[in-house]
Amino acid sequence: MSVNRLFFLAASCIVTSCGLISEKPEPAPSASETAAVSAPQATLPPPTIRKLDAEKPEEDLWQRLRQGFELGPYEQAQLDSYVQWYIDHPDYIERVFNRGQRYLYHITERLEEENLPLEIALLPVVESAFDPYAYSYATASGMWQFMSGTGSDYGLKQNWWYDGRRDIIDSTDAALAYLEQLQEMFDGDWLHALAAYNTGQGRLQRSINRNRNAGKSTDFWSLKLPRETRNYVPRLLALSKVVANPEKYNISLPPIANAPYFVAVDIQSQLDLTRASELAGISMDELYALNPGFNRWATDPEGPHRLLMPLDAQATFTEALAKLPDNERISWQRYAIRRGDSLSTIARQFDTSVDVLRTANKLSSSRIRAGDTLLIPSASVGSESYALEPQGGNAKRSYIVKKGDSFWQIANRHKISVDSLVKWNGMSSRDTLQPGQKLVIWEKSQAPGNAQGITRKLTYKVRRGDSLNSIASKFNVSIHEITRWNNVSTANYIHPGQQLTLFVGVTKAR
């Protein structure tokens, strides 16, 4: 897994400017875990709890982790408050590890393969609270919180269909490769490597150099670092202490089997995700929890051609997929090009991209002619929702479709987007509404109009040079949405240090 040294140093310049950061500097859950989101928000379904034999500790993943702990012991007084926070919040411990039990076995396996300390298996708690859809104000994404540039440097593909920063397997491989390089760069010092993962290796190296030039100690505890980084490493070490000896702290860890939760299945080519869930006999929620890298209703036509499936669904899915005719993997429709059409307007109309249309129709340019026909990939009609089920504090109501109603009219009447309306009801915008049909509507939604159903609340601190336009562009939301969420007017100036609340549709964020 070695990476060219020159390449690695070049990549460090990218990371240093912004770092891989979590939401809050205090020894508390990440913002993705604690945010009181009033918008309909996707929540991951609870994984299947597998019973363990208490007399066979080798079946317990916690015991395996403890045997691989290598950092410390550290007894610095700074750790006490962090340990106490975990003691005071046992519900948080249970919540994040119930979520993380899907992924912990795989992470542990990969760490052992790379001969790395198993405390690193707990790092996603600090980074994202084991939320693969976590998204930070600095636009870091996924369980391991990769910035876009750093993710690309470590091989994480990112396009309209797919974001490898959220892929469980690919992001874990990239995170371990990055951490291993940081450990080598900082002469085997794991605390330095972890601090650099958070704040950037350039900033950490400058802090080390300052202390060295001043004749001071250069260990982590002696360095002058941002508050967030000073909290980041102790939070991991404190959590490791708690996991190493939960009885001492009167904390009960949820049982996690020392066995795989999922298996990777080769699907050969593009596949509609709803079709995949039907073939496997699992819910869309479970499919998305294991395959969070996919942004759209189908897998990326260029790959990865892989889906993670719960172990007990593998045989069912593999057998059913083998019997599925090729022409049923993806639904297609023909569209007759009209005068005035362009690939971009057609792409917007059918919720796809210009690149997808060009690839599907083997077009060498974006020029099209009225009267020609385009093949357009489309989501399966009449299937379950293509996004995680919206939940949250909003009022849920039913609407009975009237004669002459359209999605646009209903959405406009209730001040919501067509995209939200169809996803809340597991439909396509091209479905035909029938009088008397019942629709679900979440009232007073503060979710972004372009949300894919997977929304995260962020608190963004305005920086020098920011404008409403630049912030809206950065997070792929509108100026109107920012002003509405924060009760400000476009006529008002924003100023450095001001905090803005944002609701970001994770799968459409840049």
Protein backbone atom coordinates (compact mmCIF):
# COMPACT_ATOMS: atom_id res chain seq x y z
CA MET A 1 0.00 0.00 0.00
CA SER A 2 2.96 2.30 -0.38
CA VAL A 3 2.34 5.63 -2.04
CA ASN A 4 4.91 7.60 -3.93
CA ARG A 5 6.54 10.02 -1.52
CA LEU A 6 6.37 12.99 -3.87
CA PHE A 7 2.71 12.35 -4.54
CA PHE A 8 2.03 12.13 -0.82
CA LEU A 9 3.73 15.44 -0.10
CA ALA A 10 1.76 17.07 -2.88
CA ALA A 11 -1.45 15.71 -1.42
CA SER A 12 -0.52 17.18 1.96
CA CYS A 13 -0.81 20.68 0.53
CA ILE A 14 -4.45 20.03 -0.22
CA VAL A 15 -5.25 18.65 3.22
CA THR A 16 -3.43 21.31 5.18
CA SER A 17 -5.63 24.12 3.98
CA CYS A 18 -8.83 22.63 5.40
CA GLY A 19 -8.10 19.39 7.20
CA LEU A 20 -10.30 16.35 7.69
CA ILE A 21 -12.54 17.61 10.41
CA SER A 22 -15.45 16.57 12.53
CA GLU A 23 -18.28 18.85 13.52
CA LYS A 24 -17.65 19.76 17.13
CA PRO A 25 -14.42 20.27 19.07
CA GLU A 26 -15.85 19.28 22.47
CA PRO A 27 -15.75 15.67 23.71
CA ALA A 28 -19.25 15.15 22.44
CA PRO A 29 -20.99 13.44 19.55
CA SER A 30 -20.37 14.73 16.05
CA ALA A 31 -22.89 17.23 14.71
CA SER A 32 -24.37 14.63 12.42
CA GLU A 33 -25.34 12.71 15.56
CA THR A 34 -26.59 15.55 17.76
CA ALA A 35 -28.21 17.97 15.32
CA ALA A 36 -31.87 18.57 16.14
CA VAL A 37 -33.01 18.50 12.54
CA SER A 38 -36.60 19.59 12.03
CA ALA A 39 -36.56 18.62 8.37
CA PRO A 40 -37.49 15.12 7.25
CA GLN A 41 -34.22 13.31 7.72
CA ALA A 42 -33.08 9.85 6.81
CA THR A 43 -32.11 7.60 9.68
CA LEU A 44 -30.31 4.31 9.24
CA PRO A 45 -32.40 1.29 10.22
CA PRO A 46 -31.20 -0.74 13.21
CA PRO A 47 -29.06 -3.69 12.10
CA THR A 48 -29.97 -7.22 13.04
CA ILE A 49 -28.67 -7.99 16.53
CA ARG A 50 -26.89 -11.33 16.61
CA LYS A 51 -26.90 -13.22 19.89
CA LEU A 52 -23.55 -14.20 21.37
CA ASP A 53 -22.57 -17.07 23.61
CA ALA A 54 -21.27 -15.40 26.75
CA GLU A 55 -19.03 -18.39 27.45
CA LYS A 56 -17.18 -17.97 24.15
CA PRO A 57 -15.40 -14.59 24.27
CA GLU A 58 -13.73 -15.27 20.93
CA GLU A 59 -17.16 -14.72 19.38
CA ASP A 60 -17.22 -11.19 20.81
CA LEU A 61 -15.69 -8.53 18.55
CA TRP A 62 -14.98 -6.31 21.56
CA GLN A 63 -12.55 -8.85 22.98
CA ARG A 64 -10.80 -9.09 19.63
CA LEU A 65 -10.46 -5.30 19.50
CA ARG A 66 -9.03 -5.10 23.01
CA GLN A 67 -6.37 -7.66 22.17
CA GLY A 68 -5.21 -5.43 19.32
CA PHE A 69 -5.06 -2.13 21.22
CA GLU A 70 -1.54 -0.68 20.98
CA LEU A 71 -1.81 3.03 21.79
CA GLY A 72 -0.85 4.04 25.30
CA PRO A 73 -1.63 3.58 28.03
CA TYR A 74 -1.92 7.34 28.39
CA GLU A 75 -2.79 8.74 31.79
CA GLN A 76 -2.78 12.45 30.98
CA ALA A 77 -5.23 14.45 33.05
CA GLN A 78 -6.73 15.80 29.83
CA LEU A 79 -8.32 12.41 29.22
CA ASP A 80 -10.40 12.42 32.41
CA SER A 81 -13.08 14.83 31.20
CA TYR A 82 -13.48 12.90 27.95
CA VAL A 83 -13.82 9.58 29.78
CA GLN A 84 -16.37 11.19 32.09
CA TRP A 85 -18.38 12.45 29.12
CA TYR A 86 -18.73 8.91 27.78
CA ILE A 87 -19.69 7.68 31.28
CA ASP A 88 -22.38 10.35 31.46
CA HIS A 89 -23.79 9.48 28.03
CA PRO A 90 -24.30 5.70 27.89
CA ASP A 91 -27.19 6.20 25.46
CA TYR A 92 -24.75 7.76 22.99
CA ILE A 93 -22.37 4.81 23.31
CA GLU A 94 -25.20 2.38 22.63
CA ARG A 95 -26.54 4.40 19.70
CA VAL A 96 -23.28 4.83 17.78
CA PHE A 97 -22.14 1.25 18.26
CA ASN A 98 -25.53 -0.14 17.27
CA ARG A 99 -25.10 1.84 14.07
CA GLY A 100 -21.45 0.89 13.73
CA GLN A 101 -21.89 -2.84 14.19
CA ARG A 102 -22.58 -3.18 10.46
CA TYR A 103 -19.08 -1.91 9.73
CA LEU A 104 -16.84 -2.72 12.72
CA TYR A 105 -15.97 -6.29 11.75
CA HIS A 106 -14.83 -5.23 8.28
CA ILE A 107 -12.76 -2.34 9.66
CA THR A 108 -11.16 -4.64 12.24
CA GLU A 109 -10.27 -7.17 9.54
CA ARG A 110 -8.65 -4.51 7.38
CA LEU A 111 -6.68 -3.06 10.30
CA GLU A 112 -5.30 -6.49 11.16
CA GLU A 113 -4.37 -7.10 7.53
CA GLU A 114 -2.37 -3.86 7.55
CA ASN A 115 -0.95 -4.54 11.04
CA LEU A 116 -2.34 -1.27 12.41
CA PRO A 117 -3.54 -0.49 15.96
CA LEU A 118 -7.13 -1.59 16.47
CA GLU A 119 -7.99 1.63 18.32
CA ILE A 120 -8.34 3.07 14.81
CA ALA A 121 -11.53 1.00 14.45
CA LEU A 122 -13.08 3.50 16.88
CA LEU A 123 -12.01 6.57 14.91
CA PRO A 124 -15.30 6.75 12.94
CA VAL A 125 -17.06 7.43 16.25
CA VAL A 126 -15.05 10.63 16.60
CA GLU A 127 -15.23 11.50 12.91
CA SER A 128 -18.86 10.77 12.08
CA ALA A 129 -20.59 8.81 14.86
CA PHE A 130 -20.46 5.89 12.37
CA ASP A 131 -22.80 7.77 10.03
CA PRO A 132 -21.76 6.98 6.42
CA TYR A 133 -23.83 9.97 5.27
CA ALA A 134 -22.11 12.43 7.64
CA TYR A 135 -21.26 15.74 5.97
CA SER A 136 -19.26 18.52 7.62
CA TYR A 137 -19.28 22.29 7.20
CA ALA A 138 -15.90 21.90 5.46
CA THR A 139 -17.59 19.54 2.93
CA ALA A 140 -15.90 16.42 4.31
CA SER A 141 -18.09 13.40 3.63
CA GLY A 142 -18.62 9.86 4.79
CA MET A 143 -17.79 7.72 7.79
CA TRP A 144 -14.09 8.67 7.55
CA GLN A 145 -14.78 12.32 6.59
CA PHE A 146 -12.73 12.75 3.43
CA MET A 147 -12.50 16.07 1.65
CA SER A 148 -13.13 15.81 -2.09
CA GLY A 149 -9.53 16.52 -3.12
CA THR A 150 -7.99 14.19 -0.56
CA GLY A 151 -10.46 11.48 -1.49
CA SER A 152 -9.44 11.78 -5.14
CA ASP A 153 -5.76 11.59 -4.17
CA TYR A 154 -6.44 8.29 -2.43
CA GLY A 155 -8.43 6.78 -5.27
CA LEU A 156 -11.98 7.58 -4.18
CA LYS A 157 -14.10 8.01 -7.30
CA GLN A 158 -16.64 10.86 -7.18
CA ASN A 159 -19.19 11.59 -9.89
CA TRP A 160 -22.91 12.11 -10.53
CA TRP A 161 -23.72 8.46 -9.80
CA TYR A 162 -21.34 7.63 -6.98
CA ASP A 163 -19.22 9.10 -4.19
CA GLY A 164 -16.50 6.75 -2.96
CA ARG A 165 -16.01 8.86 0.17
CA ARG A 166 -19.20 7.26 1.47
CA ASP A 167 -18.45 3.74 0.19
CA ILE A 168 -17.80 1.46 3.18
CA ILE A 169 -15.04 -0.63 1.58
CA ASP A 170 -13.32 2.03 -0.54
CA SER A 171 -13.34 4.78 2.09
CA THR A 172 -11.98 2.41 4.74
CA ASP A 173 -9.13 1.35 2.44
CA ALA A 174 -8.35 5.00 1.67
CA ALA A 175 -8.44 6.04 5.34
CA LEU A 176 -6.05 3.26 6.37
CA ALA A 177 -3.69 4.09 3.50
CA TYR A 178 -3.70 7.76 4.50
CA LEU A 179 -3.16 7.02 8.20
CA GLU A 180 -0.35 4.59 7.41
CA GLN A 181 1.40 7.24 5.32
CA LEU A 182 0.98 9.82 8.08
CA GLN A 183 2.47 7.43 10.62
CA GLU A 184 5.49 6.90 8.37
CA MET A 185 5.81 10.63 7.75
CA PHE A 186 5.86 11.39 11.49
CA ASP A 187 8.44 8.73 12.35
CA GLY A 188 6.03 6.15 13.73
CA ASP A 189 4.27 8.52 16.17
CA TRP A 190 0.60 7.54 16.08
CA LEU A 191 -0.63 10.55 18.05
CA HIS A 192 1.04 12.83 15.51
CA ALA A 193 -0.49 10.80 12.68
CA LEU A 194 -3.98 11.04 14.16
CA ALA A 195 -3.60 14.76 14.79
CA ALA A 196 -2.46 15.24 11.19
CA TYR A 197 -5.48 13.29 9.92
CA ASN A 198 -7.62 15.92 11.61
CA THR A 199 -5.74 19.16 11.08
CA GLY A 200 -3.52 18.41 8.09
CA GLN A 201 0.09 17.27 8.05
CA GLY A 202 1.42 20.67 7.04
CA ARG A 203 -0.06 22.43 10.06
CA LEU A 204 1.12 19.69 12.41
CA GLN A 205 4.65 19.78 11.00
CA ARG A 206 4.82 23.55 11.49
CA SER A 207 3.79 23.15 15.12
CA ILE A 208 6.45 20.47 15.65
CA ASN A 209 9.08 22.69 14.04
CA ARG A 210 8.15 25.65 16.28
CA ASN A 211 8.57 23.58 19.43
CA ARG A 212 11.80 22.01 18.21
CA ASN A 213 13.29 25.41 17.35
CA ALA A 214 12.28 26.69 20.78
CA GLY A 215 13.86 23.72 22.54
CA LYS A 216 10.47 22.41 23.69
CA SER A 217 9.08 18.90 23.65
CA THR A 218 7.49 17.88 20.37
CA ASP A 219 5.12 15.21 21.72
CA PHE A 220 1.44 15.67 20.92
CA TRP A 221 0.56 16.96 24.39
CA SER A 222 3.11 19.80 24.13
CA LEU A 223 2.14 21.12 20.69
CA LYS A 224 0.16 24.27 20.05
CA LEU A 225 -2.71 23.05 17.86
CA PRO A 226 -6.25 24.16 17.03
CA ARG A 227 -8.73 23.46 19.79
CA GLU A 228 -10.53 20.93 17.64
CA THR A 229 -7.36 18.86 17.18
CA ARG A 230 -6.43 19.14 20.86
CA ASN A 231 -9.81 17.53 21.58
CA TYR A 232 -9.79 15.09 18.68
CA VAL A 233 -6.98 12.77 19.77
CA PRO A 234 -8.01 12.63 23.47
CA ARG A 235 -11.57 11.78 22.46
CA LEU A 236 -10.29 8.67 20.65
CA LEU A 237 -7.95 7.69 23.48
CA ALA A 238 -10.70 8.16 26.07
CA LEU A 239 -13.10 6.03 24.07
CA SER A 240 -10.42 3.35 23.79
CA LYS A 241 -10.08 3.34 27.60
CA VAL A 242 -13.82 2.89 27.97
CA VAL A 243 -13.96 0.05 25.42
CA ALA A 244 -10.90 -1.61 27.00
CA ASN A 245 -12.56 -1.79 30.41
CA PRO A 246 -16.30 -1.01 30.26
CA GLU A 247 -16.99 -2.67 33.62
CA LYS A 248 -14.67 -0.21 35.34
CA TYR A 249 -16.76 2.67 34.02
CA ASN A 250 -20.12 0.90 34.48
CA ILE A 251 -20.82 1.06 30.75
CA SER A 252 -22.57 -1.67 28.79
CA LEU A 253 -21.42 -2.12 25.21
CA PRO A 254 -23.96 -3.55 22.75
CA PRO A 255 -23.07 -7.09 21.66
CA ILE A 256 -21.26 -7.30 18.32
CA ALA A 257 -20.52 -10.68 16.80
CA ASN A 258 -16.97 -11.45 15.72
CA ALA A 259 -18.30 -12.37 12.29
CA PRO A 260 -18.96 -10.58 9.00
CA TYR A 261 -22.17 -8.55 8.80
CA PHE A 262 -22.04 -8.14 5.02
CA VAL A 263 -20.50 -9.66 1.92
CA ALA A 264 -19.55 -7.96 -1.36
CA VAL A 265 -21.42 -9.35 -4.38
CA ASP A 266 -20.20 -8.85 -7.95
CA ILE A 267 -23.19 -7.59 -9.98
CA GLN A 268 -21.31 -7.38 -13.34
CA SER A 269 -23.07 -4.24 -14.63
CA GLN A 270 -25.42 -1.38 -13.73
CA LEU A 271 -28.43 -2.34 -11.61
CA ASP A 272 -31.50 -0.46 -10.38
CA LEU A 273 -31.23 -0.29 -6.58
CA THR A 274 -34.91 -0.95 -5.99
CA ARG A 275 -34.62 -4.03 -8.17
CA ALA A 276 -31.63 -5.10 -6.05
CA SER A 277 -33.56 -4.75 -2.80
CA GLU A 278 -36.45 -6.76 -4.23
CA LEU A 279 -34.13 -9.53 -5.43
CA ALA A 280 -32.41 -9.71 -2.04
CA GLY A 281 -35.59 -9.49 0.00
CA ILE A 282 -34.26 -6.59 2.08
CA SER A 283 -35.52 -3.05 2.61
CA MET A 284 -34.20 -0.05 0.70
CA ASP A 285 -33.10 1.38 4.05
CA GLU A 286 -30.85 -1.62 4.68
CA LEU A 287 -29.51 -1.50 1.12
CA TYR A 288 -28.59 2.18 1.45
CA ALA A 289 -27.03 1.63 4.88
CA LEU A 290 -24.62 -0.87 3.35
CA ASN A 291 -24.18 0.94 0.02
CA PRO A 292 -24.18 4.65 0.89
CA GLY A 293 -21.80 5.54 -1.94
CA PHE A 294 -24.52 5.54 -4.60
CA ASN A 295 -26.05 8.96 -5.23
CA ARG A 296 -28.88 7.92 -7.53
CA TRP A 297 -31.49 5.25 -8.16
CA ALA A 298 -29.00 2.83 -9.73
CA THR A 299 -25.37 1.82 -9.46
CA ASP A 300 -22.75 3.65 -11.51
CA PRO A 301 -22.74 2.31 -15.11
CA GLU A 302 -18.92 2.52 -15.03
CA GLY A 303 -18.63 0.72 -11.69
CA PRO A 304 -17.92 -0.25 -9.04
CA HIS A 305 -20.11 -3.19 -10.04
CA ARG A 306 -20.45 -4.34 -6.45
CA LEU A 307 -23.17 -4.31 -3.85
CA LEU A 308 -22.76 -5.10 -0.17
CA MET A 309 -25.45 -7.45 1.08
CA PRO A 310 -26.25 -8.75 4.57
CA LEU A 311 -24.65 -12.15 4.92
CA ASP A 312 -28.00 -13.90 5.28
CA ALA A 313 -29.32 -12.30 2.05
CA GLN A 314 -26.36 -13.18 -0.16
CA ALA A 315 -27.62 -16.51 -1.48
CA THR A 316 -31.11 -15.20 -2.20
CA PHE A 317 -29.76 -12.16 -4.04
CA THR A 318 -27.12 -14.04 -6.04
CA GLU A 319 -29.59 -16.68 -7.20
CA ALA A 320 -32.27 -14.13 -8.15
CA LEU A 321 -29.77 -11.87 -9.93
CA ALA A 322 -28.52 -14.76 -12.06
CA LYS A 323 -32.07 -15.31 -13.33
CA LEU A 324 -32.76 -11.61 -14.04
CA PRO A 325 -32.83 -10.83 -17.79
CA ASP A 326 -30.36 -8.14 -18.84
CA ASN A 327 -33.14 -5.88 -20.11
CA GLU A 328 -34.73 -5.81 -16.64
CA ARG A 329 -31.65 -4.59 -14.78
CA ILE A 330 -32.41 -0.99 -15.79
CA SER A 331 -35.57 0.59 -17.15
CA TRP A 332 -35.25 2.65 -20.33
CA GLN A 333 -37.61 4.96 -22.14
CA ARG A 334 -37.49 6.59 -25.56
CA TYR A 335 -37.76 10.35 -25.87
CA ALA A 336 -38.49 12.16 -29.14
CA ILE A 337 -36.39 15.32 -29.29
CA ARG A 338 -38.46 18.47 -29.79
CA ARG A 339 -37.52 21.82 -31.26
CA GLY A 340 -35.72 23.89 -28.62
CA ASP A 341 -34.56 20.87 -26.61
CA SER A 342 -30.98 20.56 -25.42
CA LEU A 343 -29.26 17.74 -23.60
CA SER A 344 -29.12 19.86 -20.44
CA THR A 345 -32.88 20.59 -20.44
CA ILE A 346 -33.70 16.94 -21.16
CA ALA A 347 -31.30 15.84 -18.39
CA ARG A 348 -33.03 18.15 -15.88
CA GLN A 349 -36.46 16.94 -16.98
CA PHE A 350 -35.56 13.29 -16.37
CA ASP A 351 -33.28 13.77 -13.33
CA THR A 352 -30.17 12.57 -15.08
CA SER A 353 -26.98 14.15 -16.39
CA VAL A 354 -25.71 15.25 -19.79
CA ASP A 355 -22.83 12.76 -19.50
CA VAL A 356 -25.24 9.91 -18.86
CA LEU A 357 -27.32 10.84 -21.91
CA ARG A 358 -24.24 11.13 -24.11
CA THR A 359 -22.88 7.77 -22.92
CA ALA A 360 -26.20 5.93 -23.23
CA ASN A 361 -26.75 7.25 -26.75
CA LYS A 362 -23.11 7.10 -27.91
CA LEU A 363 -23.06 10.83 -28.69
CA SER A 364 -19.68 12.38 -29.45
CA SER A 365 -20.95 15.89 -28.66
CA SER A 366 -23.93 17.60 -27.04
CA ARG A 367 -25.53 18.51 -30.36
CA ILE A 368 -28.95 16.94 -30.96
CA ARG A 369 -31.62 17.31 -33.67
CA ALA A 370 -35.39 17.66 -33.37
CA GLY A 371 -37.08 14.44 -34.47
CA ASP A 372 -34.29 12.14 -33.31
CA THR A 373 -34.87 9.74 -30.43
CA LEU A 374 -32.89 9.43 -27.20
CA LEU A 375 -32.71 6.46 -24.85
CA ILE A 376 -33.10 7.65 -21.27
CA PRO A 377 -32.41 5.47 -18.21
CA SER A 378 -35.21 5.78 -15.67
CA ALA A 379 -36.08 4.59 -12.21
CA SER A 380 -38.42 1.64 -11.83
CA VAL A 381 -42.05 2.74 -11.77
CA GLY A 382 -44.31 1.85 -8.89
CA SER A 383 -41.53 0.60 -6.59
CA GLU A 384 -40.51 1.66 -3.11
CA SER A 385 -38.86 5.00 -2.44
CA TYR A 386 -35.34 5.46 -3.80
CA ALA A 387 -34.17 7.26 -0.68
CA LEU A 388 -34.16 6.49 3.01
CA GLU A 389 -37.55 7.10 4.58
CA PRO A 390 -37.95 10.71 5.77
CA GLN A 391 -38.35 11.01 9.52
CA GLY A 392 -38.15 13.84 11.96
CA GLY A 393 -40.13 16.43 13.90
CA ASN A 394 -42.32 17.68 11.04
CA ALA A 395 -46.06 17.16 10.88
CA LYS A 396 -47.07 14.34 8.58
CA ARG A 397 -50.38 14.68 6.75
CA SER A 398 -52.28 12.95 4.00
CA TYR A 399 -53.47 14.58 0.79
CA ILE A 400 -56.22 13.12 -1.41
CA VAL A 401 -55.53 13.70 -5.09
CA LYS A 402 -58.27 15.64 -6.91
CA LYS A 403 -59.20 15.56 -10.57
CA GLY A 404 -56.75 17.65 -12.59
CA ASP A 405 -54.02 17.59 -9.92
CA SER A 406 -50.39 17.28 -10.95
CA PHE A 407 -47.25 16.80 -8.88
CA TRP A 408 -46.25 20.37 -9.66
CA GLN A 409 -49.60 21.83 -8.55
CA ILE A 410 -49.64 19.86 -5.29
CA ALA A 411 -46.00 20.69 -4.52
CA ASN A 412 -46.53 24.37 -5.29
CA ARG A 413 -49.68 24.50 -3.15
CA HIS A 414 -47.83 23.08 -0.15
CA LYS A 415 -44.58 25.00 -0.79
CA ILE A 416 -42.47 21.89 -1.23
CA SER A 417 -40.48 20.55 -4.18
CA VAL A 418 -41.72 17.95 -6.64
CA ASP A 419 -38.56 15.96 -5.89
CA SER A 420 -39.46 15.78 -2.17
CA LEU A 421 -43.10 14.93 -2.87
CA VAL A 422 -42.35 11.97 -5.14
CA LYS A 423 -39.62 10.59 -2.88
CA TRP A 424 -41.84 10.78 0.23
CA ASN A 425 -44.36 8.67 -1.65
CA GLY A 426 -41.98 6.22 -3.35
CA MET A 427 -42.98 7.39 -6.81
CA SER A 428 -41.49 8.76 -10.01
CA SER A 429 -42.35 12.28 -11.19
CA ARG A 430 -43.54 10.66 -14.41
CA ASP A 431 -46.15 8.52 -12.65
CA THR A 432 -49.82 9.29 -13.35
CA LEU A 433 -51.84 10.57 -10.40
CA GLN A 434 -55.34 9.17 -9.91
CA PRO A 435 -58.25 11.04 -8.26
CA GLY A 436 -58.75 9.65 -4.77
CA GLN A 437 -55.11 8.58 -4.45
CA LYS A 438 -53.59 9.32 -1.03
CA LEU A 439 -50.22 11.11 -0.82
CA VAL A 440 -47.97 11.71 2.20
CA ILE A 441 -46.85 15.32 2.77
CA TRP A 442 -44.50 16.59 5.47
CA GLU A 443 -45.63 20.09 6.38
CA LYS A 444 -43.37 23.02 7.23
CA SER A 445 -40.38 21.21 5.82
CA GLN A 446 -37.12 23.09 6.14
CA ALA A 447 -35.28 20.60 3.99
CA PRO A 448 -33.56 21.86 0.86
CA GLY A 449 -35.76 21.70 -2.20
CA ASN A 450 -33.27 19.48 -4.00
CA ALA A 451 -32.74 17.02 -1.15
CA GLN A 452 -32.53 13.36 -2.15
CA GLY A 453 -34.15 12.36 1.16
CA ILE A 454 -30.80 12.10 2.94
CA THR A 455 -30.32 15.44 4.67
CA ARG A 456 -27.85 16.62 7.27
CA LYS A 457 -27.98 19.78 9.35
CA LEU A 458 -24.77 21.84 9.46
CA THR A 459 -23.72 24.95 11.32
CA TYR A 460 -21.48 26.98 9.03
CA LYS A 461 -19.24 29.74 10.40
CA VAL A 462 -18.94 32.59 7.90
CA ARG A 463 -15.36 33.32 6.81
CA ARG A 464 -13.77 36.45 5.41
CA GLY A 465 -14.68 36.79 1.74
CA ASP A 466 -17.82 34.64 1.97
CA SER A 467 -21.07 35.73 0.36
CA LEU A 468 -24.53 34.17 0.33
CA ASN A 469 -23.88 33.23 -3.28
CA SER A 470 -20.54 31.52 -2.58
CA ILE A 471 -21.95 29.61 0.40
CA ALA A 472 -25.01 28.51 -1.60
CA SER A 473 -22.76 27.32 -4.42
CA LYS A 474 -20.43 25.47 -2.03
CA PHE A 475 -23.24 23.40 -0.50
CA ASN A 476 -25.44 23.17 -3.61
CA VAL A 477 -28.39 24.97 -2.04
CA SER A 478 -30.12 28.22 -3.02
CA ILE A 479 -29.70 31.71 -1.56
CA HIS A 480 -33.44 31.72 -0.86
CA GLU A 481 -33.10 28.55 1.23
CA ILE A 482 -30.23 30.01 3.28
CA THR A 483 -32.20 33.19 4.01
CA ARG A 484 -35.31 31.17 4.96
CA TRP A 485 -33.47 28.79 7.28
CA ASN A 486 -31.73 31.68 9.07
CA ASN A 487 -34.43 34.39 8.99
CA VAL A 488 -32.16 36.82 7.20
CA SER A 489 -32.74 39.02 4.18
CA THR A 490 -30.65 39.12 1.04
CA ALA A 491 -30.32 42.83 1.77
CA ASN A 492 -28.52 42.06 5.03
CA TYR A 493 -24.77 41.67 5.02
CA ILE A 494 -23.26 38.52 6.45
CA HIS A 495 -20.07 38.94 8.45
CA PRO A 496 -17.09 36.77 9.45
CA GLY A 497 -17.88 34.72 12.55
CA GLN A 498 -21.62 34.66 11.90
CA GLN A 499 -23.15 31.18 12.16
CA LEU A 500 -25.59 29.95 9.53
CA THR A 501 -27.78 26.85 9.69
CA LEU A 502 -27.78 24.76 6.51
CA PHE A 503 -29.71 21.63 5.51
CA VAL A 504 -27.58 19.81 2.95
CA GLY A 505 -28.81 17.06 0.67
CA VAL A 506 -25.80 14.77 1.09
CA THR A 507 -26.04 12.90 -2.20
CA LYS A 508 -26.20 16.14 -4.20
CA ALA A 509 -23.63 18.13 -2.20
CA ARG A 510 -20.35 18.96 -3.88
